[in-house]
PDB file of N, CA and C in Angstrom:
ATOM      1  N   UNK A   1     -23.821   2.886   7.430  1.00  0.00           N
ATOM      2  CA  UNK A   1     -24.040   4.696   7.004  1.00  0.00           C
ATOM      3  C   UNK A   1     -24.064   4.855   5.817  1.00  0.00           C
ATOM      4  N   UNK A   2     -24.850   6.017   5.165  1.00  0.00           N
ATOM      5  CA  UNK A   2     -24.935   6.235   4.111  1.00  0.00           C
ATOM      6  C   UNK A   2     -24.534   7.428   3.656  1.00  0.00           C
ATOM      7  N   UNK A   3     -23.635   7.834   2.178  1.00  0.00           N
ATOM      8  CA  UNK A   3     -23.288   9.180   2.097  1.00  0.00           C
ATOM      9  C   UNK A   3     -23.626   9.329   0.755  1.00  0.00           C
ATOM     10  N   UNK A   4     -24.187  10.293   0.430  1.00  0.00           N
ATOM     11  CA  UNK A   4     -24.562  10.705  -1.106  1.00  0.00           C
ATOM     12  C   UNK A   4     -23.178  11.040  -1.970  1.00  0.00           C
ATOM     13  N   UNK A   5     -23.004  10.592  -3.065  1.00  0.00           N
ATOM     14  CA  UNK A   5     -22.113  11.270  -4.039  1.00  0.00           C
ATOM     15  C   UNK A   5     -22.588  12.385  -4.763  1.00  0.00           C
ATOM     16  N   UNK A   6     -22.028  13.705  -4.397  1.00  0.00           N
ATOM     17  CA  UNK A   6     -22.727  14.633  -5.397  1.00  0.00           C
ATOM     18  C   UNK A   6     -22.415  14.776  -6.640  1.00  0.00           C
ATOM     19  N   UNK A   7     -22.824  15.831  -7.550  1.00  0.00           N
ATOM     20  CA  UNK A   7     -22.166  15.728  -9.006  1.00  0.00           C
ATOM     21  C   UNK A   7     -21.019  15.825  -9.312  1.00  0.00           C
ATOM     22  N   UNK A   8     -20.370  16.581  -8.357  1.00  0.00           N
ATOM     23  CA  UNK A   8     -18.750  16.881  -8.218  1.00  0.00           C
ATOM     24  C   UNK A   8     -18.014  15.640  -8.073  1.00  0.00           C
ATOM     25  N   UNK A   9     -18.475  14.783  -7.381  1.00  0.00           N
ATOM     26  CA  UNK A   9     -17.881  13.529  -7.145  1.00  0.00           C
ATOM     27  C   UNK A   9     -17.514  13.815  -5.836  1.00  0.00           C
ATOM     28  N   UNK A  10     -17.978  14.489  -4.993  1.00  0.00           N
ATOM     29  CA  UNK A  10     -17.253  14.419  -3.572  1.00  0.00           C
ATOM     30  C   UNK A  10     -18.630  13.846  -2.818  1.00  0.00           C
ATOM     31  N   UNK A  11     -18.372  13.446  -1.348  1.00  0.00           N
ATOM     32  CA  UNK A  11     -19.240  13.222  -0.296  1.00  0.00           C
ATOM     33  C   UNK A  11     -19.163  13.693   1.178  1.00  0.00           C
ATOM     34  N   UNK A  12     -20.021  13.805   1.746  1.00  0.00           N
ATOM     35  CA  UNK A  12     -19.480  14.450   2.867  1.00  0.00           C
ATOM     36  C   UNK A  12     -19.827  13.012   4.074  1.00  0.00           C
ATOM     37  N   UNK A  13     -18.694  13.240   4.664  1.00  0.00           N
ATOM     38  CA  UNK A  13     -17.920  11.896   5.522  1.00  0.00           C
ATOM     39  C   UNK A  13     -19.028  12.377   6.855  1.00  0.00           C
ATOM     40  N   UNK A  14     -19.826  11.385   6.980  1.00  0.00           N
ATOM     41  CA  UNK A  14     -20.800  11.581   8.358  1.00  0.00           C
ATOM     42  C   UNK A  14     -19.986  11.651   9.434  1.00  0.00           C
ATOM     43  N   UNK A  15     -20.592  12.458  10.224  1.00  0.00           N
ATOM     44  CA  UNK A  15     -20.370  12.998  11.715  1.00  0.00           C
ATOM     45  C   UNK A  15     -19.959  11.866  12.413  1.00  0.00           C
ATOM     46  N   UNK A  16     -20.498  10.885  12.696  1.00  0.00           N
ATOM     47  CA  UNK A  16     -19.476  10.004  13.908  1.00  0.00           C
ATOM     48  C   UNK A  16     -18.257   9.584  13.152  1.00  0.00           C
ATOM     49  N   UNK A  17     -18.239   9.128  11.699  1.00  0.00           N
ATOM     50  CA  UNK A  17     -16.963   8.885  11.503  1.00  0.00           C
ATOM     51  C   UNK A  17     -15.624  10.058  11.655  1.00  0.00           C
ATOM     52  N   UNK A  18     -16.347  11.494  11.575  1.00  0.00           N
ATOM     53  CA  UNK A  18     -15.247  11.938  11.550  1.00  0.00           C
ATOM     54  C   UNK A  18     -14.851  12.758  13.125  1.00  0.00           C
ATOM     55  N   UNK A  19     -16.151  12.322  14.031  1.00  0.00           N
ATOM     56  CA  UNK A  19     -15.484  12.619  15.095  1.00  0.00           C
ATOM     57  C   UNK A  19     -14.436  11.360  15.941  1.00  0.00           C
ATOM     58  N   UNK A  20     -14.763  10.113  15.177  1.00  0.00           N
ATOM     59  CA  UNK A  20     -13.727   8.887  15.546  1.00  0.00           C
ATOM     60  C   UNK A  20     -12.487   8.938  14.948  1.00  0.00           C
ATOM     61  N   UNK A  21     -12.095   9.599  14.171  1.00  0.00           N
ATOM     62  CA  UNK A  21     -11.050   9.744  13.307  1.00  0.00           C
ATOM     63  C   UNK A  21     -10.508  11.287  13.956  1.00  0.00           C
ATOM     64  N   UNK A  22     -11.272  11.882  14.523  1.00  0.00           N
ATOM     65  CA  UNK A  22     -10.804  13.156  15.085  1.00  0.00           C
ATOM     66  C   UNK A  22     -10.640  14.000  14.143  1.00  0.00           C
ATOM     67  N   UNK A  23     -11.383  14.013  12.831  1.00  0.00           N
ATOM     68  CA  UNK A  23     -11.180  14.805  11.769  1.00  0.00           C
ATOM     69  C   UNK A  23     -11.727  16.603  11.984  1.00  0.00           C
ATOM     70  N   UNK A  24     -10.695  17.326  11.393  1.00  0.00           N
ATOM     71  CA  UNK A  24     -11.673  18.618  11.330  1.00  0.00           C
ATOM     72  C   UNK A  24     -11.377  19.281   9.957  1.00  0.00           C
ATOM     73  N   UNK A  25     -12.384  20.166   9.901  1.00  0.00           N
ATOM     74  CA  UNK A  25     -12.228  20.865   8.100  1.00  0.00           C
ATOM     75  C   UNK A  25     -10.556  21.233   8.387  1.00  0.00           C
ATOM     76  N   UNK A  26     -10.546  21.075   6.499  1.00  0.00           N
ATOM     77  CA  UNK A  26      -8.759  21.114   6.024  1.00  0.00           C
ATOM     78  C   UNK A  26      -7.991  20.047   6.467  1.00  0.00           C
ATOM     79  N   UNK A  27      -8.460  18.992   7.301  1.00  0.00           N
ATOM     80  CA  UNK A  27      -7.639  17.597   7.541  1.00  0.00           C
ATOM     81  C   UNK A  27      -7.339  17.444   5.934  1.00  0.00           C
ATOM     82  N   UNK A  28      -6.287  16.536   5.888  1.00  0.00           N
ATOM     83  CA  UNK A  28      -5.985  15.565   4.570  1.00  0.00           C
ATOM     84  C   UNK A  28      -6.345  14.002   5.029  1.00  0.00           C
ATOM     85  N   UNK A  29      -6.863  13.554   4.320  1.00  0.00           N
ATOM     86  CA  UNK A  29      -6.585  12.330   4.585  1.00  0.00           C
ATOM     87  C   UNK A  29      -6.643  11.116   2.945  1.00  0.00           C
ATOM     88  N   UNK A  30      -6.432  10.047   3.373  1.00  0.00           N
ATOM     89  CA  UNK A  30      -5.747   9.157   2.328  1.00  0.00           C
ATOM     90  C   UNK A  30      -6.888   8.177   2.174  1.00  0.00           C
ATOM     91  N   UNK A  31      -7.241   8.205   0.761  1.00  0.00           N
ATOM     92  CA  UNK A  31      -8.646   7.034   0.203  1.00  0.00           C
ATOM     93  C   UNK A  31      -7.651   6.044  -0.581  1.00  0.00           C
ATOM     94  N   UNK A  32      -8.242   4.847  -0.079  1.00  0.00           N
ATOM     95  CA  UNK A  32      -7.634   3.895  -0.573  1.00  0.00           C
ATOM     96  C   UNK A  32      -8.705   2.767  -1.181  1.00  0.00           C
ATOM     97  N   UNK A  33      -8.220   1.542  -2.167  1.00  0.00           N
ATOM     98  CA  UNK A  33      -9.496   0.798  -1.879  1.00  0.00           C
ATOM     99  C   UNK A  33      -8.944  -0.545  -1.430  1.00  0.00           C
ATOM    100  N   UNK A  34      -9.474  -1.078  -0.472  1.00  0.00           N
ATOM    101  CA  UNK A  34      -9.036  -2.719   0.355  1.00  0.00           C
ATOM    102  C   UNK A  34      -9.243  -3.862  -0.900  1.00  0.00           C
ATOM    103  N   UNK A  35      -8.610  -5.227  -0.770  1.00  0.00           N
ATOM    104  CA  UNK A  35      -8.714  -6.019  -0.900  1.00  0.00           C
ATOM    105  C   UNK A  35     -10.208  -6.160  -1.422  1.00  0.00           C
ATOM    106  N   UNK A  36     -11.314  -6.290  -0.624  1.00  0.00           N
ATOM    107  CA  UNK A  36     -12.041  -6.723  -0.781  1.00  0.00           C
ATOM    108  C   UNK A  36     -13.362  -5.640  -1.616  1.00  0.00           C
ATOM    109  N   UNK A  37     -12.607  -4.506  -1.684  1.00  0.00           N
ATOM    110  CA  UNK A  37     -13.464  -3.439  -2.962  1.00  0.00           C
ATOM    111  C   UNK A  37     -13.794  -2.330  -2.159  1.00  0.00           C
ATOM    112  N   UNK A  38     -13.615  -2.449  -0.446  1.00  0.00           N
ATOM    113  CA  UNK A  38     -13.595  -1.688   0.230  1.00  0.00           C
ATOM    114  C   UNK A  38     -12.941  -0.291   0.206  1.00  0.00           C
ATOM    115  N   UNK A  39     -13.797   1.121   0.473  1.00  0.00           N
ATOM    116  CA  UNK A  39     -12.795   2.126   0.552  1.00  0.00           C
ATOM    117  C   UNK A  39     -12.553   2.682   1.574  1.00  0.00           C
ATOM    118  N   UNK A  40     -11.207   2.615   2.193  1.00  0.00           N
ATOM    119  CA  UNK A  40     -10.338   2.929   3.427  1.00  0.00           C
ATOM    120  C   UNK A  40     -10.161   4.635   3.407  1.00  0.00           C
ATOM    121  N   UNK A  41     -10.558   5.051   4.415  1.00  0.00           N
ATOM    122  CA  UNK A  41     -10.226   6.366   4.775  1.00  0.00           C
ATOM    123  C   UNK A  41      -9.538   6.189   5.787  1.00  0.00           C
ATOM    124  N   UNK A  42      -7.784   7.480   5.734  1.00  0.00           N
ATOM    125  CA  UNK A  42      -7.151   7.418   7.271  1.00  0.00           C
ATOM    126  C   UNK A  42      -6.827   9.154   7.118  1.00  0.00           C
ATOM    127  N   UNK A  43      -6.787   9.105   8.351  1.00  0.00           N
ATOM    128  CA  UNK A  43      -6.068  10.613   8.485  1.00  0.00           C
ATOM    129  C   UNK A  43      -4.207  10.594   8.246  1.00  0.00           C
ATOM    130  N   UNK A  44      -3.908  11.469   7.283  1.00  0.00           N
ATOM    131  CA  UNK A  44      -2.809  11.717   6.701  1.00  0.00           C
ATOM    132  C   UNK A  44      -1.759  11.856   7.612  1.00  0.00           C
ATOM    133  N   UNK A  45      -1.977  12.853   8.375  1.00  0.00           N
ATOM    134  CA  UNK A  45      -0.876  13.443   9.508  1.00  0.00           C
ATOM    135  C   UNK A  45      -1.669  13.848  10.871  1.00  0.00           C
ATOM    136  N   UNK A  46      -1.521  13.631  11.762  1.00  0.00           N
ATOM    137  CA  UNK A  46      -1.956  13.967  12.975  1.00  0.00           C
ATOM    138  C   UNK A  46      -0.850  14.187  13.957  1.00  0.00           C
ATOM    139  N   UNK A  47      -1.625  15.482  15.215  1.00  0.00           N
ATOM    140  CA  UNK A  47      -0.141  15.576  15.909  1.00  0.00           C
ATOM    141  C   UNK A  47      -0.615  14.519  16.895  1.00  0.00           C
ATOM    142  N   UNK A  48       0.037  14.019  17.636  1.00  0.00           N
ATOM    143  CA  UNK A  48      -0.095  12.842  18.741  1.00  0.00           C
ATOM    144  C   UNK A  48      -0.992  12.846  19.468  1.00  0.00           C
ATOM    145  N   UNK A  49      -1.438  14.167  19.821  1.00  0.00           N
ATOM    146  CA  UNK A  49      -2.743  14.470  21.012  1.00  0.00           C
ATOM    147  C   UNK A  49      -3.795  13.969  20.242  1.00  0.00           C
ATOM    148  N   UNK A  50      -3.688  14.048  18.859  1.00  0.00           N
ATOM    149  CA  UNK A  50      -4.914  13.948  18.494  1.00  0.00           C
ATOM    150  C   UNK A  50      -5.568  12.491  17.931  1.00  0.00           C
ATOM    151  N   UNK A  51      -4.475  11.381  18.225  1.00  0.00           N
ATOM    152  CA  UNK A  51      -4.363  10.010  18.462  1.00  0.00           C
ATOM    153  C   UNK A  51      -4.912   9.552  19.300  1.00  0.00           C
ATOM    154  N   UNK A  52      -5.076  10.139  20.867  1.00  0.00           N
ATOM    155  CA  UNK A  52      -5.389   9.642  21.942  1.00  0.00           C
ATOM    156  C   UNK A  52      -6.726   9.399  21.988  1.00  0.00           C
ATOM    157  N   UNK A  53      -6.861   7.648  22.653  1.00  0.00           N
ATOM    158  CA  UNK A  53      -8.026   7.550  22.173  1.00  0.00           C
ATOM    159  C   UNK A  53      -8.651   6.610  21.124  1.00  0.00           C
ATOM    160  N   UNK A  54      -8.024   6.610  20.117  1.00  0.00           N
ATOM    161  CA  UNK A  54      -8.437   6.067  19.019  1.00  0.00           C
ATOM    162  C   UNK A  54      -8.171   4.576  19.098  1.00  0.00           C
ATOM    163  N   UNK A  55      -7.527   4.159  19.707  1.00  0.00           N
ATOM    164  CA  UNK A  55      -7.608   2.488  20.064  1.00  0.00           C
ATOM    165  C   UNK A  55      -7.801   2.120  21.189  1.00  0.00           C
ATOM    166  N   UNK A  56      -8.618   1.298  21.432  1.00  0.00           N
ATOM    167  CA  UNK A  56      -9.059   0.567  22.813  1.00  0.00           C
ATOM    168  C   UNK A  56      -7.885   0.522  23.724  1.00  0.00           C
ATOM    169  N   UNK A  57      -7.867   0.772  25.178  1.00  0.00           N
ATOM    170  CA  UNK A  57      -7.087   0.258  25.963  1.00  0.00           C
ATOM    171  C   UNK A  57      -6.702  -1.332  26.023  1.00  0.00           C
ATOM    172  N   UNK A  58      -5.551  -1.401  26.004  1.00  0.00           N
ATOM    173  CA  UNK A  58      -5.114  -3.093  26.436  1.00  0.00           C
ATOM    174  C   UNK A  58      -6.083  -3.525  27.375  1.00  0.00           C
ATOM    175  N   UNK A  59      -6.152  -4.912  27.667  1.00  0.00           N
ATOM    176  CA  UNK A  59      -6.826  -5.517  28.725  1.00  0.00           C
ATOM    177  C   UNK A  59      -5.882  -4.931  29.645  1.00  0.00           C
ATOM    178  N   UNK A  60      -4.821  -5.334  30.100  1.00  0.00           N
ATOM    179  CA  UNK A  60      -3.724  -5.018  31.231  1.00  0.00           C
ATOM    180  C   UNK A  60      -2.282  -4.356  30.916  1.00  0.00           C
ATOM    181  N   UNK A  61      -2.023  -3.424  31.021  1.00  0.00           N
ATOM    182  CA  UNK A  61      -0.785  -2.617  31.069  1.00  0.00           C
ATOM    183  C   UNK A  61       0.080  -3.533  30.718  1.00  0.00           C
ATOM    184  N   UNK A  62       1.334  -3.010  29.469  1.00  0.00           N
ATOM    185  CA  UNK A  62       2.279  -3.264  29.185  1.00  0.00           C
ATOM    186  C   UNK A  62       3.434  -2.674  30.006  1.00  0.00           C
ATOM    187  N   UNK A  63       4.480  -3.768  30.103  1.00  0.00           N
ATOM    188  CA  UNK A  63       5.764  -3.099  30.692  1.00  0.00           C
ATOM    189  C   UNK A  63       6.206  -2.810  29.357  1.00  0.00           C
ATOM    190  N   UNK A  64       7.629  -1.661  30.192  1.00  0.00           N
ATOM    191  CA  UNK A  64       8.299  -0.912  29.015  1.00  0.00           C
ATOM    192  C   UNK A  64       9.396  -2.233  28.049  1.00  0.00           C
ATOM    193  N   UNK A  65       9.524  -3.131  29.005  1.00  0.00           N
ATOM    194  CA  UNK A  65      10.224  -4.579  28.543  1.00  0.00           C
ATOM    195  C   UNK A  65       9.822  -4.916  27.547  1.00  0.00           C
ATOM    196  N   UNK A  66       8.037  -5.296  27.616  1.00  0.00           N
ATOM    197  CA  UNK A  66       7.250  -6.262  27.151  1.00  0.00           C
ATOM    198  C   UNK A  66       7.152  -5.264  25.656  1.00  0.00           C
ATOM    199  N   UNK A  67       7.229  -4.052  25.539  1.00  0.00           N
ATOM    200  CA  UNK A  67       7.196  -3.088  24.438  1.00  0.00           C
ATOM    201  C   UNK A  67       8.274  -3.484  23.961  1.00  0.00           C
ATOM    202  N   UNK A  68       9.484  -3.637  24.318  1.00  0.00           N
ATOM    203  CA  UNK A  68      10.591  -3.419  23.528  1.00  0.00           C
ATOM    204  C   UNK A  68      10.601  -4.817  22.831  1.00  0.00           C
ATOM    205  N   UNK A  69      10.493  -5.744  23.746  1.00  0.00           N
ATOM    206  CA  UNK A  69      10.862  -6.986  22.817  1.00  0.00           C
ATOM    207  C   UNK A  69       9.557  -7.252  22.113  1.00  0.00           C
ATOM    208  N   UNK A  70       8.233  -6.719  21.926  1.00  0.00           N
ATOM    209  CA  UNK A  70       7.289  -6.813  20.994  1.00  0.00           C
ATOM    210  C   UNK A  70       7.959  -6.182  19.548  1.00  0.00           C
ATOM    211  N   UNK A  71       8.693  -4.778  19.842  1.00  0.00           N
ATOM    212  CA  UNK A  71       8.952  -4.531  18.532  1.00  0.00           C
ATOM    213  C   UNK A  71      10.495  -4.763  18.269  1.00  0.00           C
ATOM    214  N   UNK A  72      11.501  -5.483  18.766  1.00  0.00           N
ATOM    215  CA  UNK A  72      12.467  -6.366  18.345  1.00  0.00           C
ATOM    216  C   UNK A  72      11.855  -7.383  17.857  1.00  0.00           C
ATOM    217  N   UNK A  73      10.960  -8.376  18.401  1.00  0.00           N
ATOM    218  CA  UNK A  73      10.332  -9.388  17.751  1.00  0.00           C
ATOM    219  C   UNK A  73       9.547  -9.050  16.287  1.00  0.00           C
ATOM    220  N   UNK A  74       9.274  -8.039  16.105  1.00  0.00           N
ATOM    221  CA  UNK A  74       8.687  -7.589  14.604  1.00  0.00           C
ATOM    222  C   UNK A  74       9.915  -7.247  14.019  1.00  0.00           C
ATOM    223  N   UNK A  75      10.696  -6.401  14.183  1.00  0.00           N
ATOM    224  CA  UNK A  75      11.791  -6.196  13.783  1.00  0.00           C
ATOM    225  C   UNK A  75      12.233  -7.451  12.846  1.00  0.00           C
ATOM    226  N   UNK A  76      12.689  -8.341  13.815  1.00  0.00           N
ATOM    227  CA  UNK A  76      12.996  -9.789  13.214  1.00  0.00           C
ATOM    228  C   UNK A  76      12.216 -10.330  12.588  1.00  0.00           C
ATOM    229  N   UNK A  77      11.096 -10.293  12.409  1.00  0.00           N
ATOM    230  CA  UNK A  77      10.031 -10.898  11.738  1.00  0.00           C
ATOM    231  C   UNK A  77       9.421 -10.405  10.112  1.00  0.00           C
ATOM    232  N   UNK A  78      10.162  -8.809  10.437  1.00  0.00           N
ATOM    233  CA  UNK A  78      10.084  -8.386   9.052  1.00  0.00           C
ATOM    234  C   UNK A  78      10.801  -8.617   7.519  1.00  0.00           C
TER     235      UNK A  78
END
């Protein structure tokens, strides 16, 4: 996908990207440069309901116990 930079330094985010990120007019986004020089665009804040469907569903559901173990392991590894 390509976007054109206008004379004021603005680009229009292509509609498929806006749809995937659930962006609406007036939303705030974080713009960062990645390690490989790529531009990263992330929604700054969104109600939890807007995040639904952004990640693929896991192959199999996790139990609450499995989630708690993963969280505890991540806290230890940090």
